[in-house]
Amino acid sequence: MVRLQKFLADAGVASRRAGEQIILAGRVEVNGHVVQVLGTKIDPTRDRVTVDGVPVKPRRKLYVAVNKPRGYICSRHDRAKRRAVGDLLPKEWDNLYPVGRLDYESEGLIFLTNDGEFCLQLTHPRYGVRKKYLATVEGRVEPKVLGELIRGVVHEGERLKAEKARLLNANNSHSVVEVELAEATEAPGETVESSRVPGRARP
């Protein structure tokens, strides 16, 4: 059983908030009866739902894993005409949206889906899903730097911190660092962001 406004959102009729307005306006019928009570639950496999007389069917949920290259933004489209991860998908998958994001110059695994619940479980802090990144940086990274990453550093007004950090390889020209991150909550008076690391990503 699902709430009617969620069913409308999952079917692509409207967002949950807009779906609530459609229900309140008396435009939705369930099994031939107008429903105007928010929170009404239906069985998508049994109940017949219509909006303005047009049947609404559950939308097939899709889950796509993409290796995002460097030089792409994590979006379906970009007004600035930069290349977007959505450009890598067939046009018939235009209703899929990225789960989380990787920075423009990062590459790695990212999911795209039309399943809002799946997206929530992977990105909301309360679920504690961790991601691993491989960051290639210039110069030799000293052990004390790894400690600073775990304690947190401030970058462009944001406090960034890692759950774990370890050095995989290092020489005088470059170093490879593995960083484990989790979505963070915002603490009073500061923003804690633990899901942004440039480099090669491997969630």
N, C-alpha and C. Protein backbone atom coordinates (compact mmCIF):
# COMPACT_ATOMS: atom_id res chain seq x y z
N MET A 1 0.84 -1.19 0.00
CA MET A 1 0.00 0.00 0.00
C MET A 1 0.88 1.26 0.00
N VAL A 2 0.53 2.23 -0.83
CA VAL A 2 1.29 3.48 -0.90
C VAL A 2 0.31 4.66 -0.85
N ARG A 3 0.84 5.79 -0.41
CA ARG A 3 0.01 6.99 -0.40
C ARG A 3 -0.28 7.42 -1.83
N LEU A 4 -1.46 7.95 -2.04
CA LEU A 4 -1.90 8.30 -3.38
C LEU A 4 -0.98 9.33 -4.03
N GLN A 5 -0.55 10.35 -3.28
CA GLN A 5 0.31 11.37 -3.87
C GLN A 5 1.68 10.81 -4.24
N LYS A 6 2.15 9.80 -3.49
CA LYS A 6 3.42 9.14 -3.85
C LYS A 6 3.24 8.34 -5.12
N PHE A 7 2.12 7.65 -5.23
CA PHE A 7 1.83 6.88 -6.44
C PHE A 7 1.83 7.79 -7.66
N LEU A 8 1.20 8.96 -7.56
CA LEU A 8 1.16 9.91 -8.68
C LEU A 8 2.57 10.39 -9.03
N ALA A 9 3.38 10.64 -8.00
CA ALA A 9 4.75 11.09 -8.25
C ALA A 9 5.57 10.00 -8.91
N ASP A 10 5.46 8.76 -8.40
CA ASP A 10 6.22 7.65 -8.98
C ASP A 10 5.79 7.35 -10.41
N ALA A 11 4.52 7.64 -10.73
CA ALA A 11 4.01 7.40 -12.08
C ALA A 11 4.38 8.53 -13.04
N GLY A 12 5.00 9.58 -12.51
CA GLY A 12 5.41 10.68 -13.38
C GLY A 12 4.33 11.70 -13.66
N VAL A 13 3.23 11.66 -12.92
CA VAL A 13 2.14 12.61 -13.14
C VAL A 13 2.53 14.00 -12.65
N ALA A 14 3.09 14.06 -11.45
CA ALA A 14 3.47 15.34 -10.85
C ALA A 14 4.33 15.05 -9.63
N SER A 15 4.98 16.09 -9.10
CA SER A 15 5.71 15.93 -7.86
C SER A 15 4.72 15.64 -6.74
N ARG A 16 5.21 15.21 -5.58
CA ARG A 16 4.29 14.90 -4.48
C ARG A 16 3.47 16.13 -4.09
N ARG A 17 4.12 17.28 -4.01
CA ARG A 17 3.40 18.48 -3.61
C ARG A 17 2.36 18.87 -4.64
N ALA A 18 2.75 18.80 -5.93
CA ALA A 18 1.78 19.11 -6.97
C ALA A 18 0.68 18.06 -7.01
N GLY A 19 1.03 16.80 -6.71
CA GLY A 19 0.04 15.74 -6.67
C GLY A 19 -1.00 15.98 -5.59
N GLU A 20 -0.56 16.54 -4.46
CA GLU A 20 -1.51 16.87 -3.40
C GLU A 20 -2.53 17.88 -3.86
N GLN A 21 -2.08 18.87 -4.62
CA GLN A 21 -3.00 19.89 -5.14
C GLN A 21 -3.99 19.29 -6.14
N ILE A 22 -3.51 18.33 -6.94
CA ILE A 22 -4.39 17.66 -7.90
C ILE A 22 -5.47 16.87 -7.16
N ILE A 23 -5.06 16.21 -6.05
CA ILE A 23 -6.03 15.44 -5.26
C ILE A 23 -7.05 16.37 -4.62
N LEU A 24 -6.58 17.46 -4.01
CA LEU A 24 -7.49 18.40 -3.34
C LEU A 24 -8.46 19.05 -4.32
N ALA A 25 -8.02 19.17 -5.57
CA ALA A 25 -8.88 19.78 -6.59
C ALA A 25 -9.95 18.83 -7.10
N GLY A 26 -9.93 17.58 -6.61
CA GLY A 26 -10.95 16.62 -7.01
C GLY A 26 -10.75 16.04 -8.39
N ARG A 27 -9.50 16.05 -8.87
CA ARG A 27 -9.21 15.56 -10.22
C ARG A 27 -8.84 14.08 -10.24
N VAL A 28 -8.72 13.48 -9.05
CA VAL A 28 -8.26 12.09 -8.98
C VAL A 28 -9.40 11.17 -8.56
N GLU A 29 -9.54 10.06 -9.27
CA GLU A 29 -10.51 9.04 -8.90
C GLU A 29 -9.80 7.72 -8.64
N VAL A 30 -10.27 7.00 -7.63
CA VAL A 30 -9.77 5.67 -7.33
C VAL A 30 -10.94 4.71 -7.42
N ASN A 31 -10.86 3.78 -8.36
CA ASN A 31 -11.94 2.82 -8.59
C ASN A 31 -13.27 3.51 -8.84
N GLY A 32 -13.22 4.62 -9.58
CA GLY A 32 -14.43 5.32 -9.97
C GLY A 32 -14.95 6.32 -8.96
N HIS A 33 -14.27 6.50 -7.85
CA HIS A 33 -14.71 7.44 -6.82
C HIS A 33 -13.68 8.56 -6.66
N VAL A 34 -14.18 9.79 -6.61
CA VAL A 34 -13.29 10.93 -6.41
C VAL A 34 -12.70 10.88 -5.00
N VAL A 35 -11.38 11.06 -4.93
CA VAL A 35 -10.68 11.06 -3.64
C VAL A 35 -10.03 12.42 -3.43
N GLN A 36 -10.36 13.06 -2.33
CA GLN A 36 -9.81 14.38 -2.02
C GLN A 36 -9.15 14.41 -0.64
N VAL A 37 -8.92 13.24 -0.07
CA VAL A 37 -8.30 13.15 1.25
C VAL A 37 -6.82 12.82 1.09
N LEU A 38 -5.95 13.74 1.54
CA LEU A 38 -4.52 13.50 1.48
C LEU A 38 -4.13 12.36 2.42
N GLY A 39 -3.21 11.54 1.97
CA GLY A 39 -2.81 10.41 2.80
C GLY A 39 -3.55 9.14 2.49
N THR A 40 -4.54 9.21 1.59
CA THR A 40 -5.27 8.00 1.18
C THR A 40 -4.29 6.99 0.59
N LYS A 41 -4.39 5.74 1.02
CA LYS A 41 -3.49 4.71 0.52
C LYS A 41 -4.20 3.81 -0.49
N ILE A 42 -3.44 3.38 -1.48
CA ILE A 42 -3.98 2.51 -2.52
C ILE A 42 -3.05 1.33 -2.74
N ASP A 43 -3.58 0.32 -3.40
CA ASP A 43 -2.79 -0.83 -3.82
C ASP A 43 -2.56 -0.69 -5.32
N PRO A 44 -1.35 -0.33 -5.74
CA PRO A 44 -1.09 -0.10 -7.17
C PRO A 44 -1.38 -1.30 -8.06
N THR A 45 -1.35 -2.50 -7.48
CA THR A 45 -1.59 -3.71 -8.29
C THR A 45 -3.07 -4.00 -8.47
N ARG A 46 -3.94 -3.39 -7.65
CA ARG A 46 -5.37 -3.68 -7.71
C ARG A 46 -6.23 -2.48 -8.04
N ASP A 47 -5.91 -1.34 -7.44
CA ASP A 47 -6.76 -0.16 -7.58
C ASP A 47 -6.56 0.53 -8.93
N ARG A 48 -7.64 1.07 -9.47
CA ARG A 48 -7.61 1.79 -10.74
C ARG A 48 -7.64 3.28 -10.43
N VAL A 49 -6.59 3.96 -10.83
CA VAL A 49 -6.45 5.40 -10.55
C VAL A 49 -6.51 6.18 -11.86
N THR A 50 -7.29 7.25 -11.86
CA THR A 50 -7.35 8.13 -13.03
C THR A 50 -7.17 9.57 -12.58
N VAL A 51 -6.61 10.37 -13.47
CA VAL A 51 -6.48 11.82 -13.27
C VAL A 51 -7.15 12.49 -14.46
N ASP A 52 -8.17 13.27 -14.18
CA ASP A 52 -8.97 13.90 -15.24
C ASP A 52 -9.51 12.86 -16.22
N GLY A 53 -9.83 11.68 -15.68
CA GLY A 53 -10.40 10.61 -16.49
C GLY A 53 -9.39 9.75 -17.23
N VAL A 54 -8.11 10.11 -17.14
CA VAL A 54 -7.07 9.36 -17.84
C VAL A 54 -6.42 8.35 -16.88
N PRO A 55 -6.40 7.06 -17.22
CA PRO A 55 -5.80 6.05 -16.32
C PRO A 55 -4.32 6.34 -16.06
N VAL A 56 -3.92 6.11 -14.82
CA VAL A 56 -2.52 6.29 -14.42
C VAL A 56 -1.95 4.91 -14.10
N LYS A 57 -0.85 4.58 -14.75
CA LYS A 57 -0.23 3.28 -14.53
C LYS A 57 1.13 3.47 -13.83
N PRO A 58 1.50 2.51 -12.97
CA PRO A 58 2.81 2.60 -12.32
C PRO A 58 3.92 2.64 -13.36
N ARG A 59 4.90 3.46 -13.12
CA ARG A 59 6.02 3.56 -14.05
C ARG A 59 7.07 2.52 -13.71
N ARG A 60 7.61 1.88 -14.73
CA ARG A 60 8.66 0.88 -14.51
C ARG A 60 9.89 1.55 -13.92
N LYS A 61 10.41 0.98 -12.85
CA LYS A 61 11.58 1.56 -12.20
C LYS A 61 12.86 1.07 -12.88
N LEU A 62 13.74 2.00 -13.13
CA LEU A 62 15.00 1.68 -13.81
C LEU A 62 16.18 2.07 -12.92
N TYR A 63 17.23 1.27 -12.99
CA TYR A 63 18.45 1.53 -12.23
C TYR A 63 19.63 1.35 -13.19
N VAL A 64 20.37 2.40 -13.40
CA VAL A 64 21.47 2.37 -14.37
C VAL A 64 22.77 2.76 -13.67
N ALA A 65 23.81 1.98 -13.87
CA ALA A 65 25.14 2.29 -13.33
C ALA A 65 25.99 2.84 -14.48
N VAL A 66 26.58 3.99 -14.27
CA VAL A 66 27.38 4.65 -15.30
C VAL A 66 28.76 4.98 -14.76
N ASN A 67 29.80 4.73 -15.55
CA ASN A 67 31.14 5.17 -15.20
C ASN A 67 31.31 6.59 -15.75
N LYS A 68 31.07 7.58 -14.90
CA LYS A 68 31.13 8.98 -15.34
C LYS A 68 32.56 9.37 -15.69
N PRO A 69 32.80 9.84 -16.92
CA PRO A 69 34.15 10.29 -17.28
C PRO A 69 34.44 11.67 -16.69
N ARG A 70 35.69 12.05 -16.71
CA ARG A 70 36.04 13.42 -16.33
C ARG A 70 35.47 14.38 -17.37
N GLY A 71 35.14 15.58 -16.93
CA GLY A 71 34.63 16.58 -17.86
C GLY A 71 33.14 16.49 -18.09
N TYR A 72 32.42 15.80 -17.20
CA TYR A 72 30.96 15.71 -17.26
C TYR A 72 30.39 16.14 -15.91
N ILE A 73 29.25 16.83 -15.93
CA ILE A 73 28.57 17.16 -14.69
C ILE A 73 27.52 16.11 -14.39
N CYS A 74 27.18 15.96 -13.11
CA CYS A 74 26.17 14.97 -12.71
C CYS A 74 24.78 15.59 -12.80
N SER A 75 24.27 15.63 -14.00
CA SER A 75 22.94 16.19 -14.26
C SER A 75 22.41 15.58 -15.53
N ARG A 76 21.09 15.71 -15.74
CA ARG A 76 20.53 15.25 -17.00
C ARG A 76 20.94 16.18 -18.12
N HIS A 77 20.87 17.49 -17.88
CA HIS A 77 21.21 18.48 -18.88
C HIS A 77 21.85 19.68 -18.19
N ASP A 78 22.53 20.53 -18.94
CA ASP A 78 23.19 21.70 -18.36
C ASP A 78 22.89 22.93 -19.20
N ARG A 79 22.39 23.98 -18.54
CA ARG A 79 22.07 25.21 -19.27
C ARG A 79 23.31 25.87 -19.86
N ALA A 80 24.46 25.62 -19.21
CA ALA A 80 25.71 26.20 -19.70
C ALA A 80 26.29 25.40 -20.86
N LYS A 81 25.58 24.38 -21.29
CA LYS A 81 25.97 23.55 -22.43
C LYS A 81 27.21 22.70 -22.17
N ARG A 82 27.54 22.49 -20.88
CA ARG A 82 28.62 21.55 -20.59
C ARG A 82 28.11 20.12 -20.79
N ARG A 83 29.02 19.21 -21.00
CA ARG A 83 28.60 17.82 -21.13
C ARG A 83 28.06 17.30 -19.80
N ALA A 84 26.95 16.57 -19.88
CA ALA A 84 26.29 16.06 -18.68
C ALA A 84 26.19 14.55 -18.75
N VAL A 85 26.11 13.91 -17.58
CA VAL A 85 26.04 12.46 -17.55
C VAL A 85 24.80 11.96 -18.28
N GLY A 86 23.75 12.79 -18.32
CA GLY A 86 22.55 12.41 -19.07
C GLY A 86 22.80 12.26 -20.56
N ASP A 87 23.85 12.92 -21.07
CA ASP A 87 24.18 12.81 -22.49
C ASP A 87 24.67 11.41 -22.85
N LEU A 88 25.06 10.64 -21.84
CA LEU A 88 25.58 9.30 -22.07
C LEU A 88 24.48 8.25 -22.17
N LEU A 89 23.23 8.67 -21.91
CA LEU A 89 22.11 7.72 -21.88
C LEU A 89 21.23 7.86 -23.12
N PRO A 90 20.50 6.81 -23.46
CA PRO A 90 19.53 6.89 -24.56
C PRO A 90 18.44 7.90 -24.24
N LYS A 91 17.84 8.50 -25.26
CA LYS A 91 16.81 9.52 -25.06
C LYS A 91 15.59 8.96 -24.33
N GLU A 92 15.31 7.67 -24.50
CA GLU A 92 14.13 7.10 -23.85
C GLU A 92 14.32 6.97 -22.33
N TRP A 93 15.53 7.21 -21.83
CA TRP A 93 15.80 7.20 -20.38
C TRP A 93 15.90 8.61 -19.84
N ASP A 94 15.19 9.53 -20.45
CA ASP A 94 15.28 10.93 -20.06
C ASP A 94 14.69 11.20 -18.68
N ASN A 95 13.95 10.24 -18.12
CA ASN A 95 13.34 10.45 -16.81
C ASN A 95 14.22 9.94 -15.67
N LEU A 96 15.47 9.56 -15.96
CA LEU A 96 16.39 9.10 -14.92
C LEU A 96 17.22 10.28 -14.40
N TYR A 97 17.50 10.25 -13.10
CA TYR A 97 18.27 11.32 -12.48
C TYR A 97 19.40 10.74 -11.65
N PRO A 98 20.53 11.46 -11.57
CA PRO A 98 21.69 10.94 -10.82
C PRO A 98 21.40 10.79 -9.34
N VAL A 99 21.98 9.76 -8.76
CA VAL A 99 21.92 9.54 -7.31
C VAL A 99 23.20 10.12 -6.72
N GLY A 100 23.10 11.28 -6.08
CA GLY A 100 24.31 11.94 -5.60
C GLY A 100 25.05 12.59 -6.76
N ARG A 101 26.35 12.82 -6.56
CA ARG A 101 27.11 13.46 -7.62
C ARG A 101 28.60 13.20 -7.46
N LEU A 102 29.30 13.38 -8.55
CA LEU A 102 30.75 13.43 -8.57
C LEU A 102 31.15 14.77 -9.17
N ASP A 103 32.27 15.31 -8.72
CA ASP A 103 32.71 16.60 -9.24
C ASP A 103 33.01 16.53 -10.73
N TYR A 104 33.02 17.70 -11.36
CA TYR A 104 33.20 17.81 -12.80
C TYR A 104 34.46 17.08 -13.28
N GLU A 105 35.57 17.22 -12.54
CA GLU A 105 36.83 16.62 -12.96
C GLU A 105 37.05 15.22 -12.38
N SER A 106 36.02 14.65 -11.73
CA SER A 106 36.13 13.31 -11.18
C SER A 106 35.54 12.29 -12.14
N GLU A 107 36.02 11.06 -12.00
CA GLU A 107 35.43 9.98 -12.78
C GLU A 107 35.12 8.82 -11.83
N GLY A 108 34.10 8.02 -12.18
CA GLY A 108 33.77 6.89 -11.34
C GLY A 108 32.31 6.48 -11.45
N LEU A 109 31.94 5.54 -10.59
CA LEU A 109 30.60 4.95 -10.63
C LEU A 109 29.56 5.91 -10.08
N ILE A 110 28.46 6.06 -10.83
CA ILE A 110 27.32 6.81 -10.33
C ILE A 110 26.05 6.13 -10.85
N PHE A 111 25.02 6.11 -10.02
CA PHE A 111 23.75 5.51 -10.40
C PHE A 111 22.80 6.58 -10.90
N LEU A 112 21.94 6.18 -11.83
CA LEU A 112 20.83 7.02 -12.27
C LEU A 112 19.56 6.18 -12.17
N THR A 113 18.48 6.80 -11.73
CA THR A 113 17.25 6.04 -11.51
C THR A 113 16.04 6.97 -11.54
N ASN A 114 14.86 6.37 -11.63
CA ASN A 114 13.61 7.11 -11.44
C ASN A 114 12.93 6.68 -10.15
N ASP A 115 13.66 5.96 -9.30
CA ASP A 115 13.16 5.46 -8.03
C ASP A 115 13.60 6.40 -6.91
N GLY A 116 12.69 7.25 -6.46
CA GLY A 116 13.04 8.22 -5.43
C GLY A 116 13.43 7.59 -4.12
N GLU A 117 12.80 6.47 -3.75
CA GLU A 117 13.12 5.81 -2.49
C GLU A 117 14.53 5.24 -2.51
N PHE A 118 14.93 4.67 -3.63
CA PHE A 118 16.28 4.15 -3.80
C PHE A 118 17.30 5.28 -3.67
N CYS A 119 17.00 6.41 -4.29
CA CYS A 119 17.89 7.57 -4.22
C CYS A 119 18.03 8.05 -2.78
N LEU A 120 16.92 8.10 -2.06
CA LEU A 120 16.93 8.55 -0.67
C LEU A 120 17.80 7.65 0.20
N GLN A 121 17.69 6.34 0.01
CA GLN A 121 18.43 5.40 0.84
C GLN A 121 19.93 5.47 0.59
N LEU A 122 20.34 5.88 -0.60
CA LEU A 122 21.77 5.98 -0.90
C LEU A 122 22.37 7.31 -0.51
N THR A 123 21.54 8.35 -0.39
CA THR A 123 22.09 9.69 -0.18
C THR A 123 21.77 10.32 1.16
N HIS A 124 20.71 9.88 1.85
CA HIS A 124 20.35 10.54 3.10
C HIS A 124 21.29 10.09 4.23
N PRO A 125 21.75 11.05 5.05
CA PRO A 125 22.71 10.72 6.11
C PRO A 125 22.25 9.62 7.06
N ARG A 126 20.94 9.51 7.29
CA ARG A 126 20.49 8.53 8.30
C ARG A 126 20.76 7.09 7.89
N TYR A 127 20.99 6.83 6.60
CA TYR A 127 21.26 5.47 6.14
C TYR A 127 22.75 5.13 6.19
N GLY A 128 23.60 6.12 6.32
CA GLY A 128 25.03 5.89 6.54
C GLY A 128 25.76 5.15 5.43
N VAL A 129 25.31 5.28 4.19
CA VAL A 129 25.99 4.61 3.08
C VAL A 129 27.33 5.28 2.82
N ARG A 130 28.40 4.51 2.81
CA ARG A 130 29.73 5.06 2.60
C ARG A 130 30.20 4.84 1.16
N LYS A 131 31.08 5.73 0.72
CA LYS A 131 31.61 5.65 -0.63
C LYS A 131 33.12 5.79 -0.57
N LYS A 132 33.81 5.07 -1.45
CA LYS A 132 35.27 5.14 -1.51
C LYS A 132 35.71 5.88 -2.76
N TYR A 133 36.71 6.75 -2.58
CA TYR A 133 37.27 7.51 -3.69
C TYR A 133 38.77 7.31 -3.74
N LEU A 134 39.30 7.26 -4.94
CA LEU A 134 40.74 7.29 -5.14
C LEU A 134 41.10 8.66 -5.68
N ALA A 135 41.85 9.41 -4.90
CA ALA A 135 42.24 10.76 -5.30
C ALA A 135 43.72 10.78 -5.64
N THR A 136 44.04 11.18 -6.87
CA THR A 136 45.42 11.34 -7.30
C THR A 136 45.79 12.81 -7.16
N VAL A 137 46.77 13.10 -6.32
CA VAL A 137 47.15 14.49 -6.05
C VAL A 137 48.62 14.71 -6.36
N GLU A 138 48.98 15.95 -6.62
CA GLU A 138 50.37 16.30 -6.92
C GLU A 138 51.22 16.24 -5.65
N GLY A 139 52.46 15.80 -5.81
CA GLY A 139 53.40 15.78 -4.70
C GLY A 139 53.21 14.60 -3.77
N ARG A 140 54.03 14.55 -2.74
CA ARG A 140 53.98 13.46 -1.77
C ARG A 140 53.08 13.84 -0.60
N VAL A 141 52.10 13.00 -0.33
CA VAL A 141 51.20 13.22 0.79
C VAL A 141 51.81 12.63 2.05
N GLU A 142 51.97 13.45 3.08
CA GLU A 142 52.54 13.00 4.34
C GLU A 142 51.44 12.44 5.24
N PRO A 143 51.81 11.54 6.16
CA PRO A 143 50.80 10.94 7.06
C PRO A 143 49.96 11.96 7.82
N LYS A 144 50.53 13.09 8.19
CA LYS A 144 49.77 14.07 8.95
C LYS A 144 48.61 14.65 8.14
N VAL A 145 48.75 14.65 6.81
CA VAL A 145 47.68 15.16 5.96
C VAL A 145 46.47 14.24 6.05
N LEU A 146 46.71 12.94 6.13
CA LEU A 146 45.59 11.99 6.26
C LEU A 146 44.82 12.25 7.54
N GLY A 147 45.55 12.56 8.62
CA GLY A 147 44.89 12.88 9.88
C GLY A 147 44.05 14.13 9.78
N GLU A 148 44.53 15.11 9.02
CA GLU A 148 43.78 16.35 8.84
C GLU A 148 42.48 16.10 8.06
N LEU A 149 42.54 15.19 7.08
CA LEU A 149 41.34 14.86 6.31
C LEU A 149 40.27 14.23 7.20
N ILE A 150 40.69 13.41 8.15
CA ILE A 150 39.74 12.76 9.05
C ILE A 150 39.18 13.75 10.06
N ARG A 151 40.04 14.65 10.54
CA ARG A 151 39.57 15.66 11.49
C ARG A 151 38.71 16.71 10.82
N GLY A 152 38.98 16.97 9.53
CA GLY A 152 38.19 17.94 8.78
C GLY A 152 39.00 19.17 8.41
N VAL A 153 38.80 19.64 7.18
CA VAL A 153 39.45 20.85 6.69
C VAL A 153 38.38 21.78 6.13
N VAL A 154 38.70 23.07 6.08
CA VAL A 154 37.76 24.06 5.56
C VAL A 154 38.17 24.43 4.14
N HIS A 155 37.23 24.34 3.21
CA HIS A 155 37.48 24.66 1.81
C HIS A 155 36.31 25.46 1.27
N GLU A 156 36.58 26.69 0.82
CA GLU A 156 35.56 27.57 0.26
C GLU A 156 34.34 27.70 1.20
N GLY A 157 34.63 27.86 2.48
CA GLY A 157 33.58 28.07 3.45
C GLY A 157 32.88 26.83 3.95
N GLU A 158 33.28 25.66 3.44
CA GLU A 158 32.68 24.40 3.87
C GLU A 158 33.70 23.57 4.64
N ARG A 159 33.23 22.86 5.65
CA ARG A 159 34.10 21.95 6.39
C ARG A 159 33.96 20.57 5.79
N LEU A 160 35.07 20.04 5.29
CA LEU A 160 35.08 18.74 4.62
C LEU A 160 35.83 17.75 5.49
N LYS A 161 35.28 16.55 5.63
CA LYS A 161 35.96 15.54 6.43
C LYS A 161 35.70 14.15 5.87
N ALA A 162 36.66 13.26 6.13
CA ALA A 162 36.56 11.87 5.67
C ALA A 162 36.35 10.96 6.86
N GLU A 163 35.67 9.83 6.62
CA GLU A 163 35.53 8.82 7.66
C GLU A 163 36.85 8.06 7.83
N LYS A 164 37.47 7.75 6.71
CA LYS A 164 38.77 7.07 6.71
C LYS A 164 39.62 7.63 5.58
N ALA A 165 40.92 7.55 5.73
CA ALA A 165 41.84 7.98 4.67
C ALA A 165 43.13 7.18 4.80
N ARG A 166 43.61 6.65 3.68
CA ARG A 166 44.87 5.93 3.72
C ARG A 166 45.65 6.15 2.44
N LEU A 167 46.95 6.13 2.58
CA LEU A 167 47.84 6.37 1.45
C LEU A 167 48.14 5.04 0.75
N LEU A 168 47.84 4.98 -0.55
CA LEU A 168 48.07 3.75 -1.31
C LEU A 168 49.40 3.76 -2.02
N ASN A 169 49.81 4.95 -2.48
CA ASN A 169 51.06 5.04 -3.24
C ASN A 169 51.55 6.48 -3.19
N ALA A 170 52.84 6.67 -3.12
CA ALA A 170 53.36 8.03 -3.07
C ALA A 170 54.79 8.09 -3.58
N ASN A 171 55.08 9.15 -4.33
CA ASN A 171 56.44 9.49 -4.71
C ASN A 171 56.53 11.01 -4.76
N ASN A 172 57.65 11.54 -5.22
CA ASN A 172 57.82 12.99 -5.20
C ASN A 172 56.94 13.73 -6.20
N SER A 173 56.40 13.01 -7.20
CA SER A 173 55.58 13.68 -8.22
C SER A 173 54.09 13.63 -7.91
N HIS A 174 53.62 12.49 -7.36
CA HIS A 174 52.19 12.39 -7.06
C HIS A 174 51.94 11.32 -6.02
N SER A 175 50.73 11.35 -5.46
CA SER A 175 50.31 10.37 -4.46
C SER A 175 48.89 9.91 -4.77
N VAL A 176 48.59 8.67 -4.38
CA VAL A 176 47.23 8.14 -4.53
C VAL A 176 46.68 7.87 -3.14
N VAL A 177 45.56 8.52 -2.83
CA VAL A 177 44.95 8.41 -1.51
C VAL A 177 43.56 7.80 -1.64
N GLU A 178 43.25 6.81 -0.81
CA GLU A 178 41.90 6.26 -0.75
C GLU A 178 41.16 6.94 0.40
N VAL A 179 40.00 7.52 0.08
CA VAL A 179 39.22 8.25 1.07
C VAL A 179 37.83 7.63 1.15
N GLU A 180 37.37 7.36 2.36
CA GLU A 180 36.03 6.81 2.55
C GLU A 180 35.15 7.91 3.14
N LEU A 181 34.02 8.17 2.47
CA LEU A 181 33.15 9.27 2.85
C LEU A 181 31.74 8.78 3.11
N ALA A 182 31.01 9.55 3.90
CA ALA A 182 29.59 9.32 4.12
C ALA A 182 28.89 10.65 4.07
N GLU A 183 27.62 10.65 3.62
CA GLU A 183 26.86 11.90 3.62
C GLU A 183 26.76 12.40 5.05
N ALA A 184 27.00 13.69 5.24
CA ALA A 184 27.02 14.26 6.58
C ALA A 184 25.85 15.18 6.81
N THR A 185 25.48 15.33 8.06
CA THR A 185 24.44 16.28 8.42
C THR A 185 25.06 17.62 8.72
N GLU A 186 24.23 18.65 8.69
CA GLU A 186 24.71 20.00 8.94
C GLU A 186 24.69 20.27 10.44
N ALA A 187 25.86 20.60 10.98
CA ALA A 187 25.97 20.90 12.40
C ALA A 187 25.62 22.35 12.65
N PRO A 188 25.22 22.72 13.88
CA PRO A 188 24.87 24.10 14.18
C PRO A 188 26.03 25.04 13.90
N GLY A 189 25.78 26.05 13.07
CA GLY A 189 26.78 27.06 12.81
C GLY A 189 27.80 26.69 11.76
N GLU A 190 27.70 25.50 11.19
CA GLU A 190 28.68 25.13 10.18
C GLU A 190 28.08 24.13 9.21
N THR A 191 28.69 24.03 8.04
CA THR A 191 28.27 23.03 7.07
C THR A 191 29.34 21.95 6.98
N VAL A 192 28.95 20.71 7.19
CA VAL A 192 29.88 19.59 7.10
C VAL A 192 29.56 18.83 5.84
N GLU A 193 30.49 18.77 4.94
CA GLU A 193 30.28 18.11 3.66
C GLU A 193 31.31 17.00 3.54
N SER A 194 30.85 15.75 3.46
CA SER A 194 31.81 14.65 3.40
C SER A 194 31.62 13.81 2.15
N SER A 195 31.23 14.46 1.06
CA SER A 195 31.03 13.68 -0.17
C SER A 195 31.63 14.39 -1.37
N ARG A 196 32.67 15.21 -1.14
CA ARG A 196 33.29 15.89 -2.27
C ARG A 196 34.80 15.71 -2.21
N VAL A 197 35.33 14.95 -3.12
CA VAL A 197 36.76 14.80 -3.24
C VAL A 197 37.11 14.74 -4.71
N PRO A 198 37.99 15.63 -5.20
CA PRO A 198 38.38 15.57 -6.60
C PRO A 198 39.29 14.39 -6.84
N GLY A 199 39.32 13.90 -8.05
CA GLY A 199 40.21 12.78 -8.39
C GLY A 199 39.42 11.66 -9.00
N ARG A 200 39.96 10.48 -8.98
CA ARG A 200 39.28 9.33 -9.55
C ARG A 200 38.43 8.69 -8.48
N ALA A 201 37.16 8.57 -8.75
CA ALA A 201 36.23 8.10 -7.73
C ALA A 201 35.89 6.64 -7.93
N ARG A 202 35.74 5.94 -6.82
CA ARG A 202 35.31 4.55 -6.87
C ARG A 202 34.37 4.28 -5.72
N PRO A 203 33.11 4.73 -5.83
CA PRO A 203 32.16 4.50 -4.74
C PRO A 203 31.99 3.01 -4.51
